[in-house]
Amino acid sequence: MRHLVRATLPVLLVSMILAVAVRADEAPYTEGSVMEMTFVRVTPGGDEAYLKYLDAQWKALNEAAKTNGLILSYHIIQTAAANKDDWNMVLVVEYKNMAALDGLETKMRALVEKTFGSIDKAEQQTAKRGEIREIIGEKIGRELILK
């Protein structure tokens, strides 16, 4: 019996070490969806006008993109700016994964034309928005879901 324990003990120890080593190599998270974030500074007094634009054009385009399976969701987050150079609104568009961004510009152009009639019309609206807001920057990030 003692001989059996002595022979089995090293095998058990090696198995336990290997199990811990394999577990240590695994990431403590799974990859989630991808978020495109646009950081905006709305001019003082321009919030209502900008939100009206978002409610009309931005929402319409994102609803069409959602219906066509190009995006999962979209969100507007408003906050107080930390200083005069900071953003006070972030527009978030959620995609299934990084691969969803491949060829997206072509697909979105088609939706813009379908939704607004033409690219020119949409660009005219963009010029008007420039009077009430400034794009501070954009980022793409991936959600990490802890295991």
C-alpha atoms as a PDB file:
ATOM      1  CA  MET A   1       0.000   0.000   0.000  1.00  0.00           C
ATOM      2  CA  ARG A   2       2.809   2.360   0.931  1.00  0.00           C
ATOM      3  CA  HIS A   3       4.506   1.565  -2.376  1.00  0.00           C
ATOM      4  CA  LEU A   4       1.305   2.479  -4.255  1.00  0.00           C
ATOM      5  CA  VAL A   5       1.059   5.827  -2.445  1.00  0.00           C
ATOM      6  CA  ARG A   6       4.711   6.599  -3.206  1.00  0.00           C
ATOM      7  CA  ALA A   7       4.175   5.796  -6.894  1.00  0.00           C
ATOM      8  CA  THR A   8       0.915   7.744  -7.183  1.00  0.00           C
ATOM      9  CA  LEU A   9       1.975  10.848  -5.266  1.00  0.00           C
ATOM     10  CA  PRO A  10       4.403  12.219  -7.914  1.00  0.00           C
ATOM     11  CA  VAL A  11       1.803  11.671 -10.656  1.00  0.00           C
ATOM     12  CA  LEU A  12      -0.803  13.566  -8.630  1.00  0.00           C
ATOM     13  CA  LEU A  13       1.605  16.439  -7.927  1.00  0.00           C
ATOM     14  CA  VAL A  14       2.556  16.791 -11.607  1.00  0.00           C
ATOM     15  CA  SER A  15      -1.129  16.693 -12.598  1.00  0.00           C
ATOM     16  CA  MET A  16      -1.981  19.418 -10.116  1.00  0.00           C
ATOM     17  CA  ILE A  17       0.904  21.637 -11.265  1.00  0.00           C
ATOM     18  CA  LEU A  18      -0.089  21.198 -14.912  1.00  0.00           C
ATOM     19  CA  ALA A  19      -3.725  22.021 -14.114  1.00  0.00           C
ATOM     20  CA  VAL A  20      -2.696  25.213 -12.331  1.00  0.00           C
ATOM     21  CA  ALA A  21      -0.315  26.167 -15.168  1.00  0.00           C
ATOM     22  CA  VAL A  22      -3.017  25.653 -17.818  1.00  0.00           C
ATOM     23  CA  ARG A  23      -5.490  27.709 -15.778  1.00  0.00           C
ATOM     24  CA  ALA A  24      -2.901  30.491 -15.339  1.00  0.00           C
ATOM     25  CA  ASP A  25      -2.516  30.766 -19.134  1.00  0.00           C
ATOM     26  CA  GLU A  26      -6.232  31.401 -19.610  1.00  0.00           C
ATOM     27  CA  ALA A  27      -7.315  35.029 -19.699  1.00  0.00           C
ATOM     28  CA  PRO A  28      -9.523  36.041 -16.767  1.00  0.00           C
ATOM     29  CA  TYR A  29     -12.056  37.493 -19.235  1.00  0.00           C
ATOM     30  CA  THR A  30     -13.877  36.855 -22.491  1.00  0.00           C
ATOM     31  CA  GLU A  31     -14.036  39.374 -25.294  1.00  0.00           C
ATOM     32  CA  GLY A  32     -17.338  41.185 -25.610  1.00  0.00           C
ATOM     33  CA  SER A  33     -18.746  43.653 -28.084  1.00  0.00           C
ATOM     34  CA  VAL A  34     -16.882  46.603 -29.578  1.00  0.00           C
ATOM     35  CA  MET A  35     -17.808  50.208 -28.796  1.00  0.00           C
ATOM     36  CA  GLU A  36     -17.140  53.215 -31.005  1.00  0.00           C
ATOM     37  CA  MET A  37     -17.140  56.351 -28.869  1.00  0.00           C
ATOM     38  CA  THR A  38     -17.316  59.901 -30.210  1.00  0.00           C
ATOM     39  CA  PHE A  39     -16.475  62.576 -27.635  1.00  0.00           C
ATOM     40  CA  VAL A  40     -18.339  65.835 -28.259  1.00  0.00           C
ATOM     41  CA  ARG A  41     -18.169  69.278 -26.718  1.00  0.00           C
ATOM     42  CA  VAL A  42     -21.503  71.012 -27.207  1.00  0.00           C
ATOM     43  CA  THR A  43     -21.339  74.806 -27.183  1.00  0.00           C
ATOM     44  CA  PRO A  44     -22.977  76.513 -24.200  1.00  0.00           C
ATOM     45  CA  GLY A  45     -26.691  76.767 -24.869  1.00  0.00           C
ATOM     46  CA  GLY A  46     -26.500  74.286 -27.755  1.00  0.00           C
ATOM     47  CA  ASP A  47     -27.593  71.138 -25.913  1.00  0.00           C
ATOM     48  CA  GLU A  48     -31.241  71.274 -26.936  1.00  0.00           C
ATOM     49  CA  ALA A  49     -30.486  71.943 -30.622  1.00  0.00           C
ATOM     50  CA  TYR A  50     -27.887  69.171 -30.704  1.00  0.00           C
ATOM     51  CA  LEU A  51     -30.196  66.706 -28.978  1.00  0.00           C
ATOM     52  CA  LYS A  52     -32.913  67.545 -31.517  1.00  0.00           C
ATOM     53  CA  TYR A  53     -30.469  66.666 -34.305  1.00  0.00           C
ATOM     54  CA  LEU A  54     -29.529  63.434 -32.526  1.00  0.00           C
ATOM     55  CA  ASP A  55     -33.194  62.568 -32.067  1.00  0.00           C
ATOM     56  CA  ALA A  56     -33.927  63.105 -35.744  1.00  0.00           C
ATOM     57  CA  GLN A  57     -30.960  62.214 -37.972  1.00  0.00           C
ATOM     58  CA  TRP A  58     -28.527  60.302 -35.745  1.00  0.00           C
ATOM     59  CA  LYS A  59     -31.255  58.129 -34.247  1.00  0.00           C
ATOM     60  CA  ALA A  60     -32.792  57.444 -37.678  1.00  0.00           C
ATOM     61  CA  LEU A  61     -29.469  56.322 -39.116  1.00  0.00           C
ATOM     62  CA  ASN A  62     -28.643  54.149 -36.110  1.00  0.00           C
ATOM     63  CA  GLU A  63     -32.108  52.573 -36.086  1.00  0.00           C
ATOM     64  CA  ALA A  64     -31.636  51.690 -39.773  1.00  0.00           C
ATOM     65  CA  ALA A  65     -28.191  50.256 -38.998  1.00  0.00           C
ATOM     66  CA  LYS A  66     -29.640  48.252 -36.126  1.00  0.00           C
ATOM     67  CA  THR A  67     -32.485  46.929 -38.310  1.00  0.00           C
ATOM     68  CA  ASN A  68     -29.926  45.894 -40.943  1.00  0.00           C
ATOM     69  CA  GLY A  69     -27.797  44.089 -38.349  1.00  0.00           C
ATOM     70  CA  LEU A  70     -24.840  46.461 -38.661  1.00  0.00           C
ATOM     71  CA  ILE A  71     -24.912  47.572 -35.003  1.00  0.00           C
ATOM     72  CA  LEU A  72     -26.202  46.138 -31.735  1.00  0.00           C
ATOM     73  CA  SER A  73     -27.112  49.368 -29.952  1.00  0.00           C
ATOM     74  CA  TYR A  74     -26.383  53.077 -29.615  1.00  0.00           C
ATOM     75  CA  HIS A  75     -26.295  55.401 -26.622  1.00  0.00           C
ATOM     76  CA  ILE A  76     -25.883  59.048 -25.691  1.00  0.00           C
ATOM     77  CA  ILE A  77     -24.158  59.852 -22.430  1.00  0.00           C
ATOM     78  CA  GLN A  78     -24.130  63.400 -21.124  1.00  0.00           C
ATOM     79  CA  THR A  79     -21.875  64.643 -18.352  1.00  0.00           C
ATOM     80  CA  ALA A  80     -20.449  67.855 -16.997  1.00  0.00           C
ATOM     81  CA  ALA A  81     -17.172  68.855 -18.618  1.00  0.00           C
ATOM     82  CA  ALA A  82     -14.199  68.757 -16.244  1.00  0.00           C
ATOM     83  CA  ASN A  83     -12.741  71.905 -17.817  1.00  0.00           C
ATOM     84  CA  LYS A  84     -13.289  74.244 -20.791  1.00  0.00           C
ATOM     85  CA  ASP A  85     -11.456  71.862 -23.154  1.00  0.00           C
ATOM     86  CA  ASP A  86     -13.266  68.697 -22.049  1.00  0.00           C
ATOM     87  CA  TRP A  87     -16.147  66.868 -23.740  1.00  0.00           C
ATOM     88  CA  ASN A  88     -19.625  66.896 -22.238  1.00  0.00           C
ATOM     89  CA  MET A  89     -21.350  64.277 -24.364  1.00  0.00           C
ATOM     90  CA  VAL A  90     -20.265  60.905 -25.723  1.00  0.00           C
ATOM     91  CA  LEU A  91     -22.038  59.062 -28.524  1.00  0.00           C
ATOM     92  CA  VAL A  92     -21.574  55.300 -28.265  1.00  0.00           C
ATOM     93  CA  VAL A  93     -22.314  52.789 -31.014  1.00  0.00           C
ATOM     94  CA  GLU A  94     -22.000  49.099 -30.174  1.00  0.00           C
ATOM     95  CA  TYR A  95     -20.879  46.491 -32.723  1.00  0.00           C
ATOM     96  CA  LYS A  96     -20.871  42.713 -32.343  1.00  0.00           C
ATOM     97  CA  ASN A  97     -17.090  42.452 -32.819  1.00  0.00           C
ATOM     98  CA  MET A  98     -14.130  43.989 -34.673  1.00  0.00           C
ATOM     99  CA  ALA A  99     -15.049  42.102 -37.847  1.00  0.00           C
ATOM    100  CA  ALA A 100     -18.321  44.078 -37.947  1.00  0.00           C
ATOM    101  CA  LEU A 101     -16.232  47.161 -38.810  1.00  0.00           C
ATOM    102  CA  ASP A 102     -14.913  45.583 -42.036  1.00  0.00           C
ATOM    103  CA  GLY A 103     -16.620  47.231 -45.020  1.00  0.00           C
ATOM    104  CA  LEU A 104     -18.819  49.261 -42.679  1.00  0.00           C
ATOM    105  CA  GLU A 105     -18.266  52.607 -44.422  1.00  0.00           C
ATOM    106  CA  THR A 106     -19.703  51.327 -47.708  1.00  0.00           C
ATOM    107  CA  LYS A 107     -22.710  49.808 -45.950  1.00  0.00           C
ATOM    108  CA  MET A 108     -23.341  52.981 -43.931  1.00  0.00           C
ATOM    109  CA  ARG A 109     -23.098  55.191 -47.056  1.00  0.00           C
ATOM    110  CA  ALA A 110     -25.885  53.133 -48.601  1.00  0.00           C
ATOM    111  CA  LEU A 111     -27.981  53.600 -45.444  1.00  0.00           C
ATOM    112  CA  VAL A 112     -27.294  57.352 -45.403  1.00  0.00           C
ATOM    113  CA  GLU A 113     -28.528  57.654 -48.991  1.00  0.00           C
ATOM    114  CA  LYS A 114     -31.591  55.537 -48.231  1.00  0.00           C
ATOM    115  CA  THR A 115     -32.386  57.400 -44.988  1.00  0.00           C
ATOM    116  CA  PHE A 116     -31.652  60.998 -46.061  1.00  0.00           C
ATOM    117  CA  GLY A 117     -31.966  60.882 -49.841  1.00  0.00           C
ATOM    118  CA  SER A 118     -28.333  61.697 -50.620  1.00  0.00           C
ATOM    119  CA  ILE A 119     -24.871  62.007 -49.150  1.00  0.00           C
ATOM    120  CA  ASP A 120     -24.895  65.739 -50.016  1.00  0.00           C
ATOM    121  CA  LYS A 121     -27.982  66.329 -47.900  1.00  0.00           C
ATOM    122  CA  ALA A 122     -26.397  64.512 -44.954  1.00  0.00           C
ATOM    123  CA  GLU A 123     -23.174  66.539 -45.338  1.00  0.00           C
ATOM    124  CA  GLN A 124     -25.163  69.792 -45.263  1.00  0.00           C
ATOM    125  CA  GLN A 125     -26.617  68.713 -41.925  1.00  0.00           C
ATOM    126  CA  THR A 126     -23.086  67.959 -40.701  1.00  0.00           C
ATOM    127  CA  ALA A 127     -21.985  71.504 -41.529  1.00  0.00           C
ATOM    128  CA  LYS A 128     -24.903  72.925 -39.500  1.00  0.00           C
ATOM    129  CA  ARG A 129     -23.954  70.769 -36.513  1.00  0.00           C
ATOM    130  CA  GLY A 130     -20.451  72.242 -36.583  1.00  0.00           C
ATOM    131  CA  GLU A 131     -21.945  75.485 -35.254  1.00  0.00           C
ATOM    132  CA  ILE A 132     -23.204  73.888 -32.047  1.00  0.00           C
ATOM    133  CA  ARG A 133     -20.667  71.168 -31.314  1.00  0.00           C
ATOM    134  CA  GLU A 134     -17.029  70.171 -31.698  1.00  0.00           C
ATOM    135  CA  ILE A 135     -15.753  66.609 -32.001  1.00  0.00           C
ATOM    136  CA  ILE A 136     -12.998  66.250 -29.390  1.00  0.00           C
ATOM    137  CA  GLY A 137     -11.974  62.734 -30.417  1.00  0.00           C
ATOM    138  CA  GLU A 138     -13.005  59.196 -31.159  1.00  0.00           C
ATOM    139  CA  LYS A 139     -12.019  55.840 -29.704  1.00  0.00           C
ATOM    140  CA  ILE A 140     -12.842  52.222 -30.289  1.00  0.00           C
ATOM    141  CA  GLY A 141     -12.793  49.856 -27.344  1.00  0.00           C
ATOM    142  CA  ARG A 142     -13.750  46.289 -26.611  1.00  0.00           C
ATOM    143  CA  GLU A 143     -15.817  45.211 -23.639  1.00  0.00           C
ATOM    144  CA  LEU A 144     -14.035  42.689 -21.440  1.00  0.00           C
ATOM    145  CA  ILE A 145     -16.317  40.363 -19.507  1.00  0.00           C
ATOM    146  CA  LEU A 146     -14.685  38.969 -16.385  1.00  0.00           C
ATOM    147  CA  LYS A 147     -15.088  35.228 -15.882  1.00  0.00           C
END
